[in-house]
N, C-alpha and C. Protein backbone atom coordinates (compact mmCIF):
# COMPACT_ATOMS: atom_id res chain seq x y z
N MET A 1 102.44 85.58 116.49
CA MET A 1 101.25 85.87 117.27
C MET A 1 100.88 87.34 117.11
N ASP A 2 99.59 87.60 116.95
CA ASP A 2 99.10 88.97 116.81
C ASP A 2 98.73 89.53 118.18
N HIS A 3 98.84 90.84 118.31
CA HIS A 3 98.53 91.53 119.56
C HIS A 3 97.59 92.69 119.26
N ILE A 4 96.66 92.95 120.18
CA ILE A 4 95.78 94.10 120.03
C ILE A 4 95.75 94.88 121.33
N MET A 5 95.83 96.18 121.20
CA MET A 5 95.75 97.06 122.37
C MET A 5 94.64 98.07 122.13
N HIS A 6 93.94 98.42 123.20
CA HIS A 6 92.85 99.38 123.16
C HIS A 6 93.27 100.62 123.93
N PHE A 7 93.00 101.78 123.37
CA PHE A 7 93.37 103.04 124.01
C PHE A 7 92.15 103.95 124.11
N SER A 8 92.02 104.63 125.24
CA SER A 8 91.01 105.66 125.41
C SER A 8 91.67 107.01 125.16
N ILE A 9 90.89 107.93 124.63
CA ILE A 9 91.41 109.27 124.35
C ILE A 9 90.29 110.27 124.62
N GLN A 10 90.63 111.35 125.28
CA GLN A 10 89.67 112.42 125.56
C GLN A 10 90.00 113.59 124.66
N THR A 11 89.07 113.96 123.79
CA THR A 11 89.29 115.14 122.96
C THR A 11 88.74 116.36 123.70
N SER A 12 89.30 117.52 123.40
CA SER A 12 88.94 118.72 124.16
C SER A 12 88.34 119.83 123.30
N LYS A 13 88.30 119.63 121.99
CA LYS A 13 87.80 120.66 121.09
C LYS A 13 86.79 120.04 120.11
N PRO A 14 85.97 120.88 119.48
CA PRO A 14 85.04 120.34 118.48
C PRO A 14 85.76 119.62 117.34
N GLN A 15 86.90 120.19 116.92
CA GLN A 15 87.70 119.56 115.87
C GLN A 15 89.17 119.67 116.26
N GLN A 16 89.86 118.55 116.23
CA GLN A 16 91.28 118.59 116.55
C GLN A 16 91.96 117.32 116.08
N PHE A 17 93.26 117.43 115.87
CA PHE A 17 94.09 116.28 115.55
C PHE A 17 95.00 116.06 116.76
N ILE A 18 95.02 114.83 117.27
CA ILE A 18 95.84 114.49 118.42
C ILE A 18 96.89 113.48 117.99
N ASN A 19 98.14 113.80 118.24
CA ASN A 19 99.25 112.91 117.88
C ASN A 19 99.21 111.68 118.78
N ILE A 20 98.98 110.51 118.18
CA ILE A 20 98.92 109.24 118.94
C ILE A 20 100.10 108.33 118.60
N THR A 21 101.11 108.87 117.95
CA THR A 21 102.26 108.07 117.55
C THR A 21 102.90 107.36 118.74
N GLY A 22 103.04 108.05 119.86
CA GLY A 22 103.65 107.45 121.05
C GLY A 22 102.87 106.25 121.56
N LYS A 23 101.54 106.33 121.52
CA LYS A 23 100.71 105.21 121.96
C LYS A 23 100.85 104.01 121.03
N VAL A 24 100.92 104.28 119.73
CA VAL A 24 101.10 103.20 118.76
C VAL A 24 102.49 102.56 118.94
N ALA A 25 103.50 103.39 119.15
CA ALA A 25 104.85 102.88 119.40
C ALA A 25 104.88 102.03 120.67
N GLU A 26 104.13 102.44 121.68
CA GLU A 26 104.01 101.67 122.92
C GLU A 26 103.41 100.29 122.64
N ALA A 27 102.39 100.24 121.80
CA ALA A 27 101.77 98.96 121.44
C ALA A 27 102.77 98.06 120.72
N VAL A 28 103.57 98.65 119.83
CA VAL A 28 104.60 97.88 119.13
C VAL A 28 105.61 97.32 120.13
N LYS A 29 106.09 98.17 121.02
CA LYS A 29 107.08 97.74 122.02
C LYS A 29 106.53 96.61 122.90
N ASN A 30 105.31 96.78 123.38
CA ASN A 30 104.71 95.76 124.26
C ASN A 30 104.43 94.44 123.55
N SER A 31 104.33 94.47 122.23
CA SER A 31 104.05 93.25 121.47
C SER A 31 105.29 92.38 121.28
N ASN A 32 106.46 92.99 121.39
CA ASN A 32 107.73 92.32 121.11
C ASN A 32 107.86 91.85 119.66
N VAL A 33 107.06 92.40 118.77
CA VAL A 33 107.14 92.08 117.35
C VAL A 33 108.27 92.90 116.74
N ARG A 34 109.16 92.23 116.04
CA ARG A 34 110.30 92.91 115.41
C ARG A 34 109.98 93.37 113.99
N ASP A 35 109.21 92.55 113.27
CA ASP A 35 108.86 92.87 111.89
C ASP A 35 107.40 92.51 111.65
N GLY A 36 106.68 93.42 111.01
CA GLY A 36 105.27 93.19 110.74
C GLY A 36 104.58 94.49 110.37
N ILE A 37 103.31 94.60 110.80
CA ILE A 37 102.56 95.83 110.56
C ILE A 37 101.74 96.18 111.79
N ALA A 38 101.48 97.47 111.91
CA ALA A 38 100.57 97.98 112.94
C ALA A 38 99.37 98.56 112.21
N VAL A 39 98.19 98.09 112.59
CA VAL A 39 96.95 98.62 112.04
C VAL A 39 96.28 99.44 113.13
N ILE A 40 96.01 100.69 112.84
CA ILE A 40 95.36 101.59 113.79
C ILE A 40 93.92 101.78 113.31
N PHE A 41 92.95 101.51 114.20
CA PHE A 41 91.55 101.56 113.82
C PHE A 41 90.77 102.45 114.79
N VAL A 42 89.94 103.32 114.24
CA VAL A 42 89.09 104.23 115.01
C VAL A 42 87.63 103.79 114.80
N PRO A 43 86.96 103.31 115.87
CA PRO A 43 85.59 102.79 115.72
C PRO A 43 84.51 103.86 115.92
N HIS A 44 84.65 104.97 115.23
CA HIS A 44 83.68 106.07 115.36
C HIS A 44 83.33 106.58 113.97
N THR A 45 82.12 107.10 113.79
CA THR A 45 81.70 107.62 112.49
C THR A 45 81.94 109.12 112.33
N THR A 46 82.38 109.78 113.41
CA THR A 46 82.68 111.21 113.33
C THR A 46 84.11 111.51 113.76
N ALA A 47 84.96 110.50 113.70
CA ALA A 47 86.39 110.65 113.99
C ALA A 47 87.15 109.72 113.04
N GLY A 48 88.41 110.03 112.83
CA GLY A 48 89.20 109.21 111.92
C GLY A 48 90.66 109.18 112.33
N VAL A 49 91.49 108.72 111.43
CA VAL A 49 92.92 108.62 111.69
C VAL A 49 93.67 108.93 110.39
N THR A 50 94.80 109.61 110.51
CA THR A 50 95.61 109.94 109.35
C THR A 50 97.08 110.03 109.75
N ILE A 51 97.93 110.02 108.75
CA ILE A 51 99.37 110.24 108.95
C ILE A 51 99.72 111.53 108.23
N ASN A 52 100.40 112.43 108.95
CA ASN A 52 100.80 113.69 108.33
C ASN A 52 101.95 114.30 109.11
N GLU A 53 102.30 115.52 108.76
CA GLU A 53 103.48 116.19 109.33
C GLU A 53 103.32 116.49 110.81
N LYS A 54 104.43 116.28 111.55
CA LYS A 54 104.44 116.56 112.99
C LYS A 54 105.28 117.78 113.35
N ALA A 55 106.11 118.25 112.45
CA ALA A 55 107.06 119.31 112.79
C ALA A 55 106.41 120.68 112.93
N ASP A 56 105.45 120.97 112.11
CA ASP A 56 104.83 122.31 112.10
C ASP A 56 103.35 122.17 112.43
N PRO A 57 102.92 122.64 113.61
CA PRO A 57 101.51 122.53 114.00
C PRO A 57 100.55 123.28 113.08
N ASP A 58 101.08 124.21 112.28
CA ASP A 58 100.24 124.92 111.33
C ASP A 58 99.69 124.00 110.25
N VAL A 59 100.35 122.88 109.99
CA VAL A 59 99.85 121.93 109.00
C VAL A 59 98.50 121.37 109.46
N VAL A 60 98.42 120.96 110.72
CA VAL A 60 97.16 120.44 111.27
C VAL A 60 96.09 121.53 111.22
N ARG A 61 96.43 122.72 111.62
CA ARG A 61 95.49 123.84 111.58
C ARG A 61 95.00 124.08 110.17
N ASP A 62 95.92 124.06 109.21
CA ASP A 62 95.56 124.28 107.81
C ASP A 62 94.65 123.16 107.29
N MET A 63 94.90 121.94 107.72
CA MET A 63 94.05 120.83 107.28
C MET A 63 92.62 120.99 107.78
N ILE A 64 92.48 121.34 109.06
CA ILE A 64 91.14 121.54 109.62
C ILE A 64 90.46 122.73 108.94
N THR A 65 91.20 123.80 108.71
CA THR A 65 90.64 124.98 108.04
C THR A 65 90.17 124.63 106.62
N ALA A 66 90.98 123.90 105.89
CA ALA A 66 90.61 123.52 104.51
C ALA A 66 89.39 122.60 104.50
N LEU A 67 89.34 121.64 105.44
CA LEU A 67 88.17 120.77 105.53
C LEU A 67 86.92 121.56 105.86
N ASP A 68 87.05 122.56 106.75
CA ASP A 68 85.91 123.41 107.11
C ASP A 68 85.43 124.26 105.93
N LYS A 69 86.34 124.71 105.09
CA LYS A 69 85.93 125.49 103.92
C LYS A 69 85.14 124.63 102.95
N THR A 70 85.58 123.40 102.79
CA THR A 70 84.93 122.49 101.85
C THR A 70 83.66 121.88 102.44
N TYR A 71 83.73 121.52 103.73
CA TYR A 71 82.60 120.90 104.44
C TYR A 71 82.35 121.66 105.73
N PRO A 72 81.68 122.81 105.63
CA PRO A 72 81.50 123.65 106.82
C PRO A 72 80.63 122.98 107.88
N VAL A 73 80.83 123.40 109.11
CA VAL A 73 80.05 122.87 110.23
C VAL A 73 78.56 123.08 109.97
N HIS A 74 78.20 124.26 109.51
CA HIS A 74 76.79 124.56 109.21
C HIS A 74 76.64 124.65 107.70
N GLY A 75 75.97 123.66 107.15
CA GLY A 75 75.75 123.63 105.71
C GLY A 75 74.34 123.15 105.40
N ASP A 76 74.11 122.86 104.17
CA ASP A 76 72.80 122.39 103.71
C ASP A 76 72.71 120.87 103.90
N TYR A 77 72.73 120.45 105.16
CA TYR A 77 72.70 119.04 105.51
C TYR A 77 71.32 118.65 106.02
N GLN A 78 70.94 117.40 105.82
CA GLN A 78 69.65 116.90 106.26
C GLN A 78 69.71 116.12 107.57
N HIS A 79 70.87 115.61 107.94
CA HIS A 79 71.02 114.78 109.14
C HIS A 79 70.55 115.53 110.38
N PHE A 80 69.62 114.96 111.11
CA PHE A 80 68.97 115.67 112.22
C PHE A 80 69.91 115.98 113.38
N GLU A 81 71.00 115.24 113.54
CA GLU A 81 71.92 115.50 114.67
C GLU A 81 72.79 116.73 114.44
N GLY A 82 72.84 117.23 113.21
CA GLY A 82 73.61 118.44 112.94
C GLY A 82 75.10 118.24 112.85
N ASN A 83 75.55 117.00 112.65
CA ASN A 83 76.99 116.75 112.58
C ASN A 83 77.41 116.07 111.27
N SER A 84 76.66 116.33 110.21
CA SER A 84 77.01 115.73 108.91
C SER A 84 78.42 116.08 108.47
N HIS A 85 78.83 117.31 108.74
CA HIS A 85 80.20 117.71 108.38
C HIS A 85 81.21 116.75 109.01
N ALA A 86 80.96 116.31 110.24
CA ALA A 86 81.89 115.41 110.93
C ALA A 86 81.90 114.03 110.28
N HIS A 87 80.75 113.55 109.86
CA HIS A 87 80.69 112.26 109.17
C HIS A 87 81.47 112.30 107.86
N ILE A 88 81.30 113.39 107.12
CA ILE A 88 82.00 113.54 105.84
C ILE A 88 83.51 113.59 106.06
N LYS A 89 83.96 114.40 107.00
CA LYS A 89 85.39 114.54 107.27
C LYS A 89 86.00 113.24 107.76
N ALA A 90 85.28 112.52 108.62
CA ALA A 90 85.77 111.24 109.12
C ALA A 90 85.92 110.24 107.98
N SER A 91 84.95 110.24 107.06
CA SER A 91 85.05 109.33 105.91
C SER A 91 86.24 109.68 105.02
N LEU A 92 86.50 110.96 104.86
CA LEU A 92 87.65 111.38 104.05
C LEU A 92 88.98 110.97 104.68
N MET A 93 89.08 111.11 106.01
CA MET A 93 90.31 110.71 106.70
C MET A 93 90.47 109.20 106.70
N GLY A 94 89.36 108.50 106.90
CA GLY A 94 89.37 107.05 106.98
C GLY A 94 89.38 106.59 108.42
N SER A 95 88.95 105.36 108.62
CA SER A 95 88.86 104.81 109.97
C SER A 95 90.07 103.97 110.36
N SER A 96 91.01 103.78 109.43
CA SER A 96 92.20 103.00 109.77
C SER A 96 93.40 103.44 108.93
N CYS A 97 94.57 103.10 109.44
CA CYS A 97 95.80 103.25 108.67
C CYS A 97 96.76 102.14 109.10
N THR A 98 97.72 101.87 108.25
CA THR A 98 98.67 100.79 108.48
C THR A 98 100.09 101.34 108.39
N VAL A 99 100.93 100.90 109.32
CA VAL A 99 102.33 101.32 109.33
C VAL A 99 103.21 100.07 109.42
N ILE A 100 104.23 100.04 108.62
CA ILE A 100 105.18 98.92 108.64
C ILE A 100 106.03 98.99 109.91
N ILE A 101 106.31 97.82 110.49
CA ILE A 101 107.22 97.70 111.64
C ILE A 101 108.46 96.96 111.14
N ALA A 102 109.64 97.52 111.39
CA ALA A 102 110.90 96.87 111.05
C ALA A 102 111.86 97.08 112.22
N ASP A 103 112.54 96.03 112.61
CA ASP A 103 113.47 96.10 113.74
C ASP A 103 112.79 96.64 114.99
N GLY A 104 111.51 96.33 115.17
CA GLY A 104 110.77 96.73 116.37
C GLY A 104 110.33 98.19 116.39
N LYS A 105 110.45 98.88 115.24
CA LYS A 105 110.10 100.31 115.21
C LYS A 105 109.15 100.62 114.06
N LEU A 106 108.28 101.60 114.32
CA LEU A 106 107.40 102.09 113.27
C LEU A 106 108.24 102.75 112.18
N GLN A 107 107.94 102.43 110.94
CA GLN A 107 108.71 102.96 109.82
C GLN A 107 108.05 104.22 109.25
N LEU A 108 107.88 105.20 110.11
CA LEU A 108 107.35 106.49 109.70
C LEU A 108 108.47 107.36 109.16
N GLY A 109 108.13 108.26 108.26
CA GLY A 109 109.11 109.21 107.75
C GLY A 109 109.52 110.20 108.83
N THR A 110 110.60 110.89 108.60
CA THR A 110 111.16 111.84 109.57
C THR A 110 110.12 112.82 110.09
N TRP A 111 109.26 113.30 109.23
CA TRP A 111 108.32 114.35 109.60
C TRP A 111 106.92 113.81 109.89
N GLN A 112 106.74 112.50 109.83
CA GLN A 112 105.40 111.93 109.96
C GLN A 112 105.01 111.60 111.40
N ALA A 113 103.71 111.73 111.66
CA ALA A 113 103.09 111.31 112.92
C ALA A 113 101.71 110.74 112.59
N ILE A 114 101.20 109.93 113.51
CA ILE A 114 99.87 109.36 113.38
C ILE A 114 98.93 110.22 114.21
N TYR A 115 97.83 110.66 113.60
CA TYR A 115 96.90 111.56 114.27
C TYR A 115 95.51 110.95 114.39
N PHE A 116 94.95 111.02 115.61
CA PHE A 116 93.54 110.78 115.83
C PHE A 116 92.83 112.08 115.42
N CYS A 117 91.83 111.99 114.57
CA CYS A 117 91.15 113.17 114.03
C CYS A 117 89.74 113.27 114.60
N GLU A 118 89.53 114.25 115.44
CA GLU A 118 88.21 114.50 116.04
C GLU A 118 87.47 115.55 115.21
N PHE A 119 86.20 115.24 114.87
CA PHE A 119 85.40 116.20 114.12
C PHE A 119 84.06 116.51 114.78
N ASP A 120 83.80 115.92 115.96
CA ASP A 120 82.51 116.11 116.63
C ASP A 120 82.69 116.10 118.15
N GLY A 121 83.71 116.81 118.62
CA GLY A 121 84.03 116.78 120.03
C GLY A 121 83.49 117.96 120.79
N PRO A 122 83.92 118.07 122.02
CA PRO A 122 84.80 117.11 122.71
C PRO A 122 84.05 115.85 123.13
N ARG A 123 84.78 114.75 123.14
CA ARG A 123 84.19 113.45 123.47
C ARG A 123 85.22 112.52 124.09
N ASN A 124 84.71 111.48 124.74
CA ASN A 124 85.53 110.34 125.13
C ASN A 124 85.56 109.41 123.94
N ARG A 125 86.74 109.09 123.47
CA ARG A 125 86.89 108.27 122.27
C ARG A 125 87.81 107.10 122.57
N GLU A 126 87.98 106.27 121.56
CA GLU A 126 88.92 105.15 121.67
C GLU A 126 89.50 104.85 120.30
N PHE A 127 90.62 104.16 120.32
CA PHE A 127 91.19 103.61 119.09
C PHE A 127 91.89 102.31 119.46
N HIS A 128 92.06 101.47 118.46
CA HIS A 128 92.65 100.15 118.66
C HIS A 128 93.88 100.02 117.78
N VAL A 129 94.86 99.28 118.28
CA VAL A 129 96.06 99.01 117.52
C VAL A 129 96.28 97.51 117.49
N LYS A 130 96.30 96.95 116.29
CA LYS A 130 96.59 95.52 116.13
C LYS A 130 97.98 95.38 115.52
N ILE A 131 98.82 94.63 116.17
CA ILE A 131 100.17 94.38 115.71
C ILE A 131 100.18 92.98 115.11
N ILE A 132 100.56 92.90 113.84
CA ILE A 132 100.59 91.63 113.12
C ILE A 132 102.04 91.31 112.77
N SER A 133 102.50 90.19 113.26
CA SER A 133 103.87 89.74 113.02
C SER A 133 103.99 89.18 111.61
N GLY A 134 105.16 89.40 111.03
CA GLY A 134 105.36 88.79 109.70
C GLY A 134 106.40 89.40 108.94
């Protein structure tokens, strides 16, 4: 049987990465699935999800800085809302990621975490986690 959980998240900055690994692990635990996959989905066009290092917060800062250098907040964009940079960054990060579940645990590497990526905040956001047994 598959399980889906919905989570609300409040971002506090124009651009930030929020570690949501604990929430995804909670969804896995509540599903009672021992082996399968967890699919994390972000239903927004100016936010995304990625897996990256959790040990050094400078990695997240460096990622946002590098994205800003390549896709600056203020650029030669035509979109009237003024947030084209956020749409581009969200597309690069992607709207979903998948993590293997084994023995009831997410099979992330030692240094890995799952991050909700905000590029047009602060906002009230959401993400969904579907646990698929198998």
